[in-house]
Protein backbone atom coordinates (compact mmCIF):
# COMPACT_ATOMS: atom_id res chain seq x y z
CA MET A 1 -28.46 29.03 1.99
CA ARG A 2 -30.01 26.79 -0.92
CA ARG A 3 -28.08 23.06 -0.89
CA PHE A 4 -28.55 20.94 -3.94
CA GLY A 5 -28.52 17.55 -3.69
CA ALA A 6 -25.67 14.85 -4.95
CA VAL A 7 -27.52 12.31 -7.09
CA ILE A 8 -25.31 9.46 -8.38
CA SER A 9 -26.57 9.28 -11.73
CA GLY A 10 -24.07 7.00 -13.21
CA THR A 11 -21.32 4.37 -12.41
CA GLY A 12 -19.03 2.23 -14.10
CA SER A 13 -16.50 -0.24 -12.96
CA ALA A 14 -12.83 -2.02 -14.84
CA LEU A 15 -10.93 -4.99 -13.85
CA PRO A 16 -8.00 -6.72 -15.64
CA GLU A 17 -7.97 -9.06 -17.88
CA LYS A 18 -5.79 -12.07 -15.64
CA ARG A 19 -6.92 -13.77 -12.73
CA LEU A 20 -4.62 -14.95 -10.07
CA THR A 21 -6.54 -18.33 -8.63
CA ASN A 22 -5.94 -19.63 -5.19
CA GLY A 23 -4.39 -22.15 -7.25
CA ASP A 24 -2.17 -20.22 -8.11
CA LEU A 25 -1.04 -18.47 -5.10
CA GLU A 26 -0.01 -22.27 -3.75
CA LYS A 27 2.78 -22.38 -6.00
CA LEU A 28 3.97 -19.46 -4.94
CA VAL A 29 3.18 -18.97 -0.92
CA GLU A 30 2.59 -21.87 1.41
CA THR A 31 -1.24 -22.06 1.64
CA ASP A 32 -4.19 -23.76 -0.24
CA HIS A 33 -7.63 -22.94 -1.61
CA ASP A 34 -9.59 -24.10 1.21
CA TRP A 35 -7.86 -22.44 3.65
CA ILE A 36 -8.30 -18.35 1.47
CA VAL A 37 -11.91 -19.67 1.72
CA GLN A 38 -12.39 -20.53 4.81
CA ARG A 39 -10.60 -17.11 5.72
CA THR A 40 -11.14 -14.69 3.85
CA GLY A 41 -13.76 -16.17 1.41
CA ILE A 42 -11.80 -15.41 -2.19
CA THR A 43 -11.23 -17.72 -4.70
CA GLU A 44 -9.57 -15.51 -7.10
CA ARG A 45 -8.92 -12.10 -7.66
CA ARG A 46 -7.63 -9.14 -10.83
CA ILE A 47 -3.53 -7.93 -11.78
CA ALA A 48 -3.59 -5.44 -13.52
CA GLY A 49 -0.87 -6.15 -16.99
CA ALA A 50 2.43 -4.32 -17.77
CA ASP A 51 0.29 -2.32 -19.78
CA GLU A 52 -2.36 -1.68 -17.46
CA SER A 53 -2.22 0.98 -14.69
CA THR A 54 -4.68 2.83 -12.42
CA ALA A 55 -4.69 5.57 -14.22
CA SER A 56 -5.72 3.14 -16.72
CA LEU A 57 -8.49 1.22 -15.50
CA ALA A 58 -9.61 4.95 -14.02
CA THR A 59 -9.80 6.06 -16.88
CA LEU A 60 -11.87 3.36 -18.45
CA ALA A 61 -14.06 3.20 -15.54
CA ALA A 62 -14.86 6.95 -15.99
CA GLN A 63 -15.53 6.64 -19.10
CA ARG A 64 -18.81 3.95 -18.21
CA ALA A 65 -19.66 6.04 -15.52
CA LEU A 66 -19.79 9.12 -17.80
CA ASP A 67 -21.64 6.79 -20.17
CA SER A 68 -24.08 5.99 -17.58
CA ALA A 69 -24.99 9.10 -16.73
CA GLY A 70 -25.47 10.10 -20.14
CA VAL A 71 -22.68 13.07 -19.35
CA ASP A 72 -20.27 14.18 -21.41
CA ALA A 73 -16.48 14.33 -20.09
CA GLN A 74 -16.64 18.35 -21.02
CA ASP A 75 -19.10 18.82 -18.60
CA ILE A 76 -17.62 17.53 -15.19
CA ASP A 77 -16.92 20.50 -13.26
CA LEU A 78 -14.56 18.33 -10.68
CA ILE A 79 -12.59 15.00 -11.03
CA ILE A 80 -11.61 13.28 -6.98
CA VAL A 81 -9.70 10.01 -7.15
CA GLY A 82 -9.23 7.89 -4.48
CA THR A 83 -6.38 6.19 -4.30
CA LEU A 84 -3.38 4.47 -2.56
CA THR A 85 -1.18 3.32 -5.97
CA PRO A 86 -0.95 6.83 -7.88
CA GLU A 87 -0.06 6.89 -11.15
CA MET A 88 3.42 8.03 -9.88
CA LEU A 89 4.10 10.58 -7.10
CA THR A 90 3.18 13.50 -8.90
CA PRO A 91 0.90 14.78 -10.68
CA SER A 92 -1.72 13.42 -8.74
CA THR A 93 -3.93 10.26 -10.84
CA ALA A 94 -6.85 12.62 -11.14
CA CYS A 95 -4.64 15.21 -12.81
CA ILE A 96 -4.22 12.72 -15.31
CA LEU A 97 -7.39 10.71 -15.85
CA GLN A 98 -8.28 14.63 -17.18
CA GLN A 99 -5.50 14.90 -19.33
CA ARG A 100 -7.06 11.29 -21.04
CA LEU A 101 -10.29 12.14 -21.10
CA GLY A 102 -9.56 14.75 -23.31
CA ILE A 103 -11.82 17.44 -20.90
CA ARG A 104 -10.21 20.86 -22.03
CA ARG A 105 -11.98 23.04 -19.34
CA HIS A 106 -9.77 24.01 -16.27
CA ILE A 107 -11.14 21.57 -13.54
CA GLY A 108 -10.32 20.98 -10.27
CA ALA A 109 -8.89 17.32 -9.97
CA LEU A 110 -7.57 16.49 -6.69
CA ASP A 111 -6.51 11.95 -5.25
CA ILE A 112 -7.54 11.27 -1.65
CA ASN A 113 -5.40 8.78 0.01
CA ALA A 114 -7.52 7.20 2.50
CA ALA A 115 -6.65 3.76 1.46
CA CYS A 116 -9.58 1.52 1.42
CA SER A 117 -12.28 4.08 2.64
CA GLY A 118 -11.04 6.21 0.06
CA PHE A 119 -13.90 6.33 -2.24
CA VAL A 120 -16.41 7.18 0.64
CA TYR A 121 -14.19 9.78 1.72
CA SER A 122 -14.12 11.40 -1.98
CA LEU A 123 -18.07 10.99 -2.25
CA ALA A 124 -18.38 12.81 1.01
CA VAL A 125 -15.93 15.31 -0.48
CA ALA A 126 -17.53 15.88 -3.70
CA SER A 127 -21.16 16.07 -2.22
CA GLN A 128 -20.45 18.90 -0.22
CA PHE A 129 -19.20 20.86 -3.08
CA ILE A 130 -22.45 20.13 -5.15
CA ALA A 131 -24.34 21.12 -1.83
CA ALA A 132 -22.27 24.12 -1.61
CA GLY A 133 -23.88 24.67 -4.76
CA SER A 134 -20.11 24.97 -6.20
CA VAL A 135 -20.15 22.70 -9.07
CA LYS A 136 -23.10 20.99 -10.69
CA ARG A 137 -20.99 17.25 -11.92
CA VAL A 138 -18.28 15.69 -10.04
CA LEU A 139 -16.67 11.89 -11.35
CA VAL A 140 -15.88 10.53 -8.38
CA VAL A 141 -13.65 7.53 -8.65
CA GLY A 142 -11.54 4.86 -6.95
CA ALA A 143 -8.57 2.89 -8.30
CA GLU A 144 -5.95 0.92 -7.43
CA THR A 145 -3.55 -1.11 -8.55
CA LEU A 146 -2.25 -2.69 -5.64
CA SER A 147 -0.77 -6.00 -7.09
CA ARG A 148 2.40 -3.75 -7.63
CA ILE A 149 2.86 -3.17 -4.19
CA VAL A 150 1.74 -6.79 -2.27
CA ASP A 151 5.09 -9.27 -1.12
CA TYR A 152 4.50 -12.13 -3.36
CA THR A 153 6.45 -13.88 -1.10
CA ASP A 154 4.38 -12.89 2.29
CA ARG A 155 1.38 -15.15 2.46
CA GLY A 156 -0.67 -12.90 5.02
CA THR A 157 -1.15 -10.39 2.43
CA CYS A 158 -0.73 -11.68 -1.26
CA ILE A 159 -3.91 -13.56 -0.87
CA LEU A 160 -5.80 -10.79 -0.22
CA PHE A 161 -4.93 -7.71 -2.72
CA GLY A 162 -6.45 -7.94 -5.97
CA ASP A 163 -5.99 -4.64 -8.94
CA GLY A 164 -9.25 -2.45 -10.57
CA ALA A 165 -11.47 0.73 -10.73
CA GLY A 166 -14.49 1.78 -10.04
CA ALA A 167 -16.25 4.94 -10.65
CA ALA A 168 -19.45 7.26 -10.26
CA VAL A 169 -20.90 11.30 -12.11
CA LEU A 170 -22.25 12.86 -8.76
CA THR A 171 -25.31 15.33 -10.36
CA ALA A 172 -26.05 18.01 -8.47
CA SER A 173 -30.33 18.34 -8.10
CA ASP A 174 -33.07 20.49 -6.96
CA ASP A 175 -34.11 17.60 -4.57
CA ALA A 176 -32.11 17.90 -1.28
CA GLN A 177 -34.05 14.71 -0.16
CA ARG A 178 -31.79 12.75 -2.93
CA GLY A 179 -28.59 11.34 -3.11
CA VAL A 180 -25.59 11.62 -0.22
CA LEU A 181 -28.29 12.61 2.04
CA ALA A 182 -25.29 11.81 5.64
CA PHE A 183 -21.96 10.41 5.98
CA GLU A 184 -19.01 10.04 8.16
CA LEU A 185 -15.29 10.22 8.03
CA GLY A 186 -13.07 9.01 10.75
CA ALA A 187 -9.58 8.39 11.66
CA ASP A 188 -7.35 6.97 14.22
CA GLY A 189 -3.66 8.12 12.97
CA GLY A 190 -1.95 5.89 16.70
CA GLY A 191 -3.28 2.46 14.56
CA ALA A 192 -1.42 3.91 11.21
CA HIS A 193 1.71 1.00 12.27
CA PHE A 194 -1.08 -2.39 11.51
CA ILE A 195 -1.53 -1.18 7.35
CA HIS A 196 1.72 0.32 6.50
CA VAL A 197 4.34 0.83 3.34
CA PRO A 198 7.47 1.47 5.18
CA ALA A 199 9.05 2.90 1.92
CA GLY A 200 9.33 5.72 -0.37
CA GLY A 201 7.95 8.55 0.81
CA SER A 202 10.30 11.29 2.68
CA ARG A 203 11.18 9.54 5.85
CA ALA A 204 12.14 6.59 4.23
CA PRO A 205 13.40 7.64 0.27
CA ALA A 206 14.42 4.74 -1.95
CA THR A 207 18.03 3.30 -1.29
CA ALA A 208 19.57 -0.27 -2.56
CA ASP A 209 18.89 -1.56 1.25
CA THR A 210 15.33 -0.01 0.93
CA VAL A 211 14.49 -2.63 -2.15
CA ALA A 212 16.67 -5.01 -0.72
CA GLU A 213 14.76 -5.40 2.78
CA ARG A 214 12.18 -5.68 0.63
CA GLN A 215 10.33 -1.92 2.34
CA HIS A 216 8.10 -0.43 -0.58
CA TYR A 217 5.88 -3.56 0.12
CA LEU A 218 2.64 -3.78 1.97
CA LYS A 219 2.91 -4.58 5.64
CA MET A 220 -0.10 -6.15 7.70
CA ASN A 221 -1.00 -6.84 11.29
CA GLY A 222 -3.56 -9.19 10.28
CA ARG A 223 -4.85 -9.93 13.55
CA GLU A 224 -5.21 -6.08 14.96
CA VAL A 225 -7.16 -5.08 11.50
CA TYR A 226 -9.06 -7.57 12.09
CA LYS A 227 -10.25 -7.15 15.00
CA PHE A 228 -10.51 -2.85 14.47
CA ALA A 229 -13.02 -4.27 11.16
CA VAL A 230 -15.21 -6.27 12.58
CA THR A 231 -15.92 -3.44 15.44
CA GLN A 232 -15.92 -0.71 13.15
CA MET A 233 -17.96 -1.44 10.11
CA THR A 234 -20.87 -2.36 13.29
CA HIS A 235 -20.61 0.75 14.63
CA SER A 236 -20.25 2.58 11.26
CA LEU A 237 -23.28 0.51 9.58
CA LYS A 238 -25.15 1.50 13.17
CA GLY A 239 -24.26 5.74 12.75
CA ALA A 240 -25.20 5.44 8.90
CA MET A 241 -28.91 4.29 10.00
CA GLU A 242 -29.55 5.89 12.22
CA SER A 243 -28.06 9.61 11.24
CA CYS A 244 -31.84 9.06 8.45
CA GLY A 245 -33.58 6.80 10.59
CA LEU A 246 -33.03 4.26 8.65
CA THR A 247 -33.69 -0.07 9.70
CA ALA A 248 -32.27 -2.95 8.41
CA GLU A 249 -35.99 -3.01 6.55
CA THR A 250 -35.42 0.15 5.15
CA VAL A 251 -32.33 -0.54 3.71
CA ARG A 252 -32.38 -1.45 -0.09
CA LEU A 253 -28.80 -2.46 0.00
CA VAL A 254 -25.63 -2.45 2.05
CA VAL A 255 -22.36 -2.04 -0.24
CA PRO A 256 -19.46 -2.38 1.94
CA HIS A 257 -15.54 -2.88 1.02
CA GLN A 258 -14.85 -6.22 0.33
CA VAL A 259 -12.11 -6.57 2.79
CA ASN A 260 -12.74 -10.34 4.33
CA GLN A 261 -15.92 -12.42 3.99
CA ARG A 262 -16.33 -12.96 7.75
CA ILE A 263 -16.01 -9.38 8.96
CA ILE A 264 -18.56 -8.33 6.66
CA ASP A 265 -20.93 -11.38 7.78
CA SER A 266 -20.56 -10.25 11.19
CA ALA A 267 -21.05 -6.87 11.25
CA THR A 268 -24.64 -7.40 8.91
CA GLU A 269 -26.13 -9.57 11.12
CA LYS A 270 -25.72 -8.19 13.99
CA MET A 271 -27.76 -4.84 12.24
CA GLY A 272 -30.13 -7.09 11.32
CA PHE A 273 -29.72 -7.70 7.50
CA PRO A 274 -30.39 -10.66 6.12
CA LYS A 275 -27.76 -11.77 2.90
CA GLU A 276 -29.91 -10.65 0.39
CA LYS A 277 -29.69 -7.30 1.78
CA VAL A 278 -25.61 -7.00 1.42
CA PHE A 279 -23.49 -6.75 -1.81
CA ILE A 280 -20.48 -9.30 -2.07
CA ASN A 281 -18.13 -9.98 -4.76
CA ILE A 282 -14.93 -10.60 -2.79
CA ASP A 283 -14.79 -13.80 -4.09
CA LYS A 284 -13.82 -12.71 -7.29
CA TYR A 285 -12.10 -9.56 -7.58
CA GLY A 286 -10.30 -9.77 -3.36
CA ASN A 287 -9.87 -6.28 -1.55
CA THR A 288 -9.17 -3.84 -4.30
CA SER A 289 -9.06 -1.07 -1.51
CA ALA A 290 -10.55 1.82 -2.97
CA ALA A 291 -11.82 0.26 -5.85
CA SER A 292 -13.64 -2.22 -3.85
CA VAL A 293 -16.48 0.01 -3.00
CA PRO A 294 -17.16 1.44 -6.14
CA ILE A 295 -16.92 -1.71 -7.94
CA ALA A 296 -20.08 -3.21 -6.06
CA LEU A 297 -21.73 -0.40 -6.71
CA ASP A 298 -21.30 -0.68 -10.14
CA GLU A 299 -22.18 -3.75 -10.49
CA ALA A 300 -25.26 -4.02 -7.58
CA CYS A 301 -27.05 -1.50 -9.99
CA ARG A 302 -26.13 -2.89 -13.48
CA GLN A 303 -27.78 -6.36 -11.55
CA GLY A 304 -30.49 -4.22 -9.98
CA ARG A 305 -29.78 -5.02 -7.12
CA CYS A 306 -30.77 -1.54 -6.26
CA GLY A 307 -32.02 1.86 -7.65
CA PRO A 308 -33.69 5.24 -8.18
CA GLY A 309 -35.58 5.80 -4.91
CA ASP A 310 -33.37 3.34 -3.09
CA TYR A 311 -31.53 3.99 0.54
CA ILE A 312 -28.53 2.41 -0.04
CA ILE A 313 -25.88 2.08 2.59
CA MET A 314 -22.16 1.90 1.76
CA VAL A 315 -18.48 1.41 4.26
CA ALA A 316 -15.46 1.13 3.90
CA PHE A 317 -12.54 0.89 6.55
CA GLY A 318 -8.43 1.15 5.89
CA ALA A 319 -5.23 2.16 6.64
CA GLY A 320 -4.83 5.18 8.63
CA LEU A 321 -6.39 3.94 10.21
CA THR A 322 -9.81 5.22 8.55
CA TRP A 323 -13.15 4.67 8.37
CA ALA A 324 -16.00 5.97 6.53
CA SER A 325 -19.71 5.61 5.47
CA ALA A 326 -22.77 7.09 3.12
CA THR A 327 -26.12 6.94 3.38
CA VAL A 328 -27.79 6.90 -0.20
CA LYS A 329 -30.96 7.83 -1.55
CA LEU A 330 -30.61 6.79 -5.09
């Protein structure tokens, strides 16, 4: 069967204007700027305003990606949105995005919840639709408003997370040696309790008690997540390079999930990547979960850090526990 390349033909991103600095957090919880920077690398993060949501940020990022690719929204065949903070439980944020973009065709639209791995998961799924010849153009989005589920009395989580959205347009190419060349998706449900929101689902629907007990906020075992992330990022980077016979010298750029500066530095240094080959923006935005990788990808492309013909590796991991990597030739 003929296979097509799934090429990234355009990228876009969107971030709220409101900034939440480390100084602002000093007024909310027992912390200080130097402590946060030393442990995470974060100096500020963006927070959605009252009139912003996951869908509104996704729409802006998607339109910018479409403009970058020179593609009309009406020519999109499939929409996939990676998010753990959807616009609502149902319908999917992807369906809402279809309507907001004015797409009149009856195309497929779905959300994927793989937490921080959501965009790379979505990219992998989209690439397989294209490789099989089922569709020609897919809009892939990672969008989050984590500030809506973060407990700003919990120092262990509120210093980490921010809001934003990133998007990419994948286009079918006759050259199967371009685009998404390889990917790895993984999960370990045994670690589900390390990062979770206890209430709000079918097991613990919303009640006065669950609200009073703050069970609708994100809970995290930071120590266990840190150990998992350091190990898994190194493993994923190694696998992504080996899958395509690449080395640190032949890879133009690593675009990692912006989880923690120390974790990123540890894993990339072990695999021989100098700092100039690793894209970092965690200092400005914090951890934006599924939006993290596509925001970084868009900024890297627009800054000229990578371009046509370059090999890049995207790697992410998060709640589930999940992990994902994608090796791409732009």
